[in-house]
């Protein structure tokens, strides 16, 4: 699996204008979270790894951005599965 990446679907012109920088910030936070979770992975179930990814990603964001960060949980859990399988290095 390649590095995790966040893609936004803007709903209005303001969101569209902020899309690139926000995607970059969210992607950076997710990649850092994936690295931390991968490095400390000790056999936890996928569901727990998925929750840790969400928590770690939010912890790496400004509180206002973290509060609004609602990722596609299916996609986030795919990253968790990759961590469990050792597909993210």
N, C-alpha and C. Protein backbone atom coordinates (compact mmCIF):
# COMPACT_ATOMS: atom_id res chain seq x y z
N UNK A 1 0.85 -1.17 0.00
CA UNK A 1 0.00 0.00 0.00
C UNK A 1 0.90 1.23 0.00
N UNK A 2 0.52 2.23 -0.78
CA UNK A 2 1.28 3.47 -0.79
C UNK A 2 0.96 4.28 0.46
N UNK A 3 1.66 5.39 0.63
CA UNK A 3 1.41 6.25 1.78
C UNK A 3 -0.05 6.68 1.80
N UNK A 4 -0.66 6.75 2.99
CA UNK A 4 -2.05 7.21 3.08
C UNK A 4 -2.16 8.67 2.63
N UNK A 5 -3.29 9.00 2.03
CA UNK A 5 -3.53 10.34 1.51
C UNK A 5 -4.98 10.72 1.75
N UNK A 6 -5.21 11.98 2.10
CA UNK A 6 -6.56 12.49 2.30
C UNK A 6 -6.96 13.30 1.07
N UNK A 7 -8.14 13.00 0.54
CA UNK A 7 -8.70 13.75 -0.59
C UNK A 7 -10.04 14.32 -0.14
N UNK A 8 -10.20 15.62 -0.33
CA UNK A 8 -11.44 16.28 0.06
C UNK A 8 -12.32 16.51 -1.14
N UNK A 9 -13.62 16.57 -0.90
CA UNK A 9 -14.59 16.88 -1.94
C UNK A 9 -15.30 18.16 -1.53
N UNK A 10 -14.79 19.31 -1.99
CA UNK A 10 -15.36 20.60 -1.57
C UNK A 10 -16.81 20.75 -2.03
N UNK A 11 -17.59 21.41 -1.17
CA UNK A 11 -19.02 21.60 -1.46
C UNK A 11 -19.35 23.03 -1.84
N UNK A 12 -18.40 23.94 -1.67
CA UNK A 12 -18.65 25.34 -2.02
C UNK A 12 -17.32 25.99 -2.41
N UNK A 13 -17.37 27.21 -2.95
CA UNK A 13 -16.14 27.87 -3.42
C UNK A 13 -15.09 28.10 -2.34
N UNK A 14 -15.52 28.37 -1.11
CA UNK A 14 -14.56 28.58 -0.02
C UNK A 14 -13.80 27.28 0.25
N UNK A 15 -14.53 26.19 0.33
CA UNK A 15 -13.88 24.89 0.55
C UNK A 15 -12.95 24.55 -0.61
N UNK A 16 -13.38 24.87 -1.82
CA UNK A 16 -12.54 24.58 -2.98
C UNK A 16 -11.24 25.37 -2.93
N UNK A 17 -11.30 26.61 -2.47
CA UNK A 17 -10.11 27.45 -2.38
C UNK A 17 -9.13 26.92 -1.34
N UNK A 18 -9.64 26.35 -0.26
CA UNK A 18 -8.80 25.84 0.82
C UNK A 18 -8.41 24.37 0.65
N UNK A 19 -8.93 23.74 -0.37
CA UNK A 19 -8.78 22.30 -0.55
C UNK A 19 -7.32 21.84 -0.50
N UNK A 20 -6.46 22.41 -1.32
CA UNK A 20 -5.07 21.96 -1.42
C UNK A 20 -4.32 22.03 -0.10
N UNK A 21 -4.27 23.21 0.54
CA UNK A 21 -3.55 23.29 1.81
C UNK A 21 -4.15 22.40 2.91
N UNK A 22 -5.46 22.29 2.93
CA UNK A 22 -6.10 21.45 3.95
C UNK A 22 -5.83 19.97 3.68
N UNK A 23 -5.89 19.55 2.42
CA UNK A 23 -5.56 18.17 2.08
C UNK A 23 -4.12 17.86 2.50
N UNK A 24 -3.21 18.81 2.24
CA UNK A 24 -1.81 18.61 2.61
C UNK A 24 -1.65 18.44 4.12
N UNK A 25 -2.33 19.28 4.89
CA UNK A 25 -2.23 19.21 6.35
C UNK A 25 -2.83 17.90 6.87
N UNK A 26 -3.99 17.53 6.36
CA UNK A 26 -4.64 16.29 6.80
C UNK A 26 -3.81 15.06 6.41
N UNK A 27 -3.28 15.08 5.20
CA UNK A 27 -2.46 13.97 4.74
C UNK A 27 -1.20 13.83 5.59
N UNK A 28 -0.57 14.94 5.89
CA UNK A 28 0.63 14.92 6.73
C UNK A 28 0.32 14.35 8.11
N UNK A 29 -0.79 14.79 8.70
CA UNK A 29 -1.18 14.30 10.02
C UNK A 29 -1.50 12.80 9.97
N UNK A 30 -2.17 12.36 8.91
CA UNK A 30 -2.51 10.93 8.77
C UNK A 30 -1.25 10.10 8.57
N UNK A 31 -0.32 10.57 7.74
CA UNK A 31 0.91 9.81 7.51
C UNK A 31 1.73 9.71 8.79
N UNK A 32 1.82 10.81 9.55
CA UNK A 32 2.56 10.78 10.81
C UNK A 32 1.88 9.82 11.80
N UNK A 33 0.55 9.85 11.83
CA UNK A 33 -0.20 8.95 12.71
C UNK A 33 0.04 7.49 12.30
N UNK A 34 0.00 7.22 11.01
CA UNK A 34 0.23 5.86 10.53
C UNK A 34 1.63 5.38 10.91
N UNK A 35 2.62 6.26 10.81
CA UNK A 35 3.98 5.89 11.21
C UNK A 35 4.05 5.56 12.69
N UNK A 36 3.43 6.40 13.53
CA UNK A 36 3.47 6.17 14.98
C UNK A 36 2.74 4.88 15.35
N UNK A 37 1.56 4.68 14.75
CA UNK A 37 0.78 3.48 15.06
C UNK A 37 1.53 2.24 14.56
N UNK A 38 2.08 2.32 13.37
CA UNK A 38 2.84 1.18 12.83
C UNK A 38 4.03 0.85 13.73
N UNK A 39 4.75 1.87 14.15
CA UNK A 39 5.95 1.66 14.96
C UNK A 39 5.64 1.07 16.34
N UNK A 40 4.44 1.32 16.84
CA UNK A 40 4.08 0.80 18.16
C UNK A 40 3.08 -0.35 18.09
N UNK A 41 2.80 -0.84 16.89
CA UNK A 41 1.83 -1.91 16.72
C UNK A 41 2.30 -3.17 17.45
N UNK A 42 1.40 -3.73 18.25
CA UNK A 42 1.75 -4.91 19.05
C UNK A 42 0.66 -5.97 18.98
N UNK A 43 0.09 -6.17 17.79
CA UNK A 43 -0.88 -7.24 17.62
C UNK A 43 -2.32 -6.89 17.93
N UNK A 44 -2.63 -5.60 18.10
CA UNK A 44 -4.01 -5.21 18.40
C UNK A 44 -4.91 -5.54 17.21
N UNK A 45 -6.22 -5.70 17.46
CA UNK A 45 -7.15 -5.95 16.37
C UNK A 45 -7.30 -4.71 15.46
N UNK A 46 -7.74 -4.94 14.25
CA UNK A 46 -7.88 -3.88 13.25
C UNK A 46 -8.73 -2.73 13.78
N UNK A 47 -9.82 -3.04 14.47
CA UNK A 47 -10.72 -2.00 14.96
C UNK A 47 -9.98 -1.04 15.90
N UNK A 48 -9.14 -1.60 16.76
CA UNK A 48 -8.38 -0.77 17.69
C UNK A 48 -7.33 0.06 16.96
N UNK A 49 -6.70 -0.53 15.96
CA UNK A 49 -5.70 0.20 15.16
C UNK A 49 -6.39 1.34 14.41
N UNK A 50 -7.56 1.09 13.89
CA UNK A 50 -8.33 2.12 13.18
C UNK A 50 -8.65 3.29 14.12
N UNK A 51 -9.10 2.99 15.32
CA UNK A 51 -9.41 4.05 16.28
C UNK A 51 -8.15 4.82 16.67
N UNK A 52 -7.04 4.10 16.84
CA UNK A 52 -5.78 4.78 17.17
C UNK A 52 -5.36 5.71 16.04
N UNK A 53 -5.54 5.26 14.78
CA UNK A 53 -5.22 6.12 13.64
C UNK A 53 -6.03 7.41 13.69
N UNK A 54 -7.32 7.28 13.96
CA UNK A 54 -8.18 8.45 14.04
C UNK A 54 -7.73 9.37 15.17
N UNK A 55 -7.50 8.80 16.34
CA UNK A 55 -7.09 9.60 17.50
C UNK A 55 -5.75 10.28 17.26
N UNK A 56 -4.79 9.55 16.73
CA UNK A 56 -3.45 10.10 16.47
C UNK A 56 -3.49 11.18 15.39
N UNK A 57 -4.32 10.96 14.37
CA UNK A 57 -4.44 11.97 13.30
C UNK A 57 -5.02 13.25 13.87
N UNK A 58 -6.10 13.13 14.62
CA UNK A 58 -6.72 14.32 15.22
C UNK A 58 -5.75 15.03 16.17
N UNK A 59 -4.95 14.26 16.90
CA UNK A 59 -3.99 14.86 17.84
C UNK A 59 -2.94 15.68 17.11
N UNK A 60 -2.69 15.35 15.85
CA UNK A 60 -1.69 16.07 15.07
C UNK A 60 -2.23 17.29 14.34
N UNK A 61 -3.48 17.61 14.55
CA UNK A 61 -4.12 18.73 13.86
C UNK A 61 -4.44 19.87 14.82
N UNK A 62 -4.59 21.06 14.27
CA UNK A 62 -5.10 22.18 15.06
C UNK A 62 -6.46 21.77 15.60
N UNK A 63 -6.80 22.13 16.84
CA UNK A 63 -8.07 21.70 17.44
C UNK A 63 -9.31 22.01 16.59
N UNK A 64 -9.34 23.15 15.92
CA UNK A 64 -10.50 23.49 15.09
C UNK A 64 -10.61 22.55 13.89
N UNK A 65 -9.48 22.22 13.31
CA UNK A 65 -9.49 21.30 12.16
C UNK A 65 -9.82 19.89 12.65
N UNK A 66 -9.22 19.50 13.76
CA UNK A 66 -9.48 18.16 14.31
C UNK A 66 -10.96 17.96 14.62
N UNK A 67 -11.60 19.00 15.12
CA UNK A 67 -13.02 18.90 15.47
C UNK A 67 -13.89 18.63 14.24
N UNK A 68 -13.48 19.13 13.10
CA UNK A 68 -14.25 18.94 11.87
C UNK A 68 -13.78 17.78 11.02
N UNK A 69 -12.73 17.09 11.45
CA UNK A 69 -12.17 15.99 10.67
C UNK A 69 -13.02 14.74 10.85
N UNK A 70 -13.77 14.40 9.83
CA UNK A 70 -14.63 13.21 9.83
C UNK A 70 -14.26 12.38 8.61
N UNK A 71 -13.23 11.56 8.73
CA UNK A 71 -12.78 10.78 7.57
C UNK A 71 -13.75 9.66 7.22
N UNK A 72 -13.61 9.15 6.04
CA UNK A 72 -14.32 7.95 5.62
C UNK A 72 -13.72 6.81 6.43
N UNK A 73 -14.48 6.28 7.36
CA UNK A 73 -13.94 5.27 8.27
C UNK A 73 -13.57 3.98 7.54
N UNK A 74 -14.25 3.67 6.44
CA UNK A 74 -13.85 2.49 5.66
C UNK A 74 -12.44 2.67 5.11
N UNK A 75 -12.15 3.88 4.62
CA UNK A 75 -10.82 4.15 4.09
C UNK A 75 -9.77 4.15 5.21
N UNK A 76 -10.12 4.73 6.34
CA UNK A 76 -9.19 4.76 7.47
C UNK A 76 -8.90 3.33 7.94
N UNK A 77 -9.92 2.49 7.95
CA UNK A 77 -9.71 1.11 8.37
C UNK A 77 -8.90 0.33 7.35
N UNK A 78 -8.91 0.74 6.08
CA UNK A 78 -8.03 0.09 5.09
C UNK A 78 -6.58 0.36 5.43
N UNK A 79 -6.30 1.56 5.92
CA UNK A 79 -4.95 1.88 6.37
C UNK A 79 -4.60 1.02 7.58
N UNK A 80 -5.57 0.86 8.48
CA UNK A 80 -5.34 0.02 9.67
C UNK A 80 -5.06 -1.42 9.25
N UNK A 81 -5.78 -1.94 8.30
CA UNK A 81 -5.54 -3.30 7.81
C UNK A 81 -4.13 -3.40 7.23
N UNK A 82 -3.72 -2.39 6.48
CA UNK A 82 -2.36 -2.40 5.91
C UNK A 82 -1.30 -2.42 7.01
N UNK A 83 -1.55 -1.69 8.10
CA UNK A 83 -0.62 -1.70 9.22
C UNK A 83 -0.57 -3.09 9.86
N UNK A 84 -1.73 -3.67 10.09
CA UNK A 84 -1.80 -5.00 10.70
C UNK A 84 -1.09 -6.05 9.81
N UNK A 85 -1.25 -5.92 8.52
CA UNK A 85 -0.62 -6.88 7.59
C UNK A 85 0.84 -6.59 7.33
N UNK A 86 1.29 -5.41 7.76
CA UNK A 86 2.69 -5.03 7.51
C UNK A 86 2.92 -4.49 6.12
N UNK A 87 1.85 -4.01 5.48
CA UNK A 87 1.96 -3.48 4.11
C UNK A 87 2.43 -2.04 4.05
N UNK A 88 2.42 -1.34 5.19
CA UNK A 88 2.91 0.04 5.24
C UNK A 88 4.26 0.00 5.91
N UNK A 89 5.26 0.45 5.18
CA UNK A 89 6.61 0.44 5.75
C UNK A 89 7.18 1.83 5.86
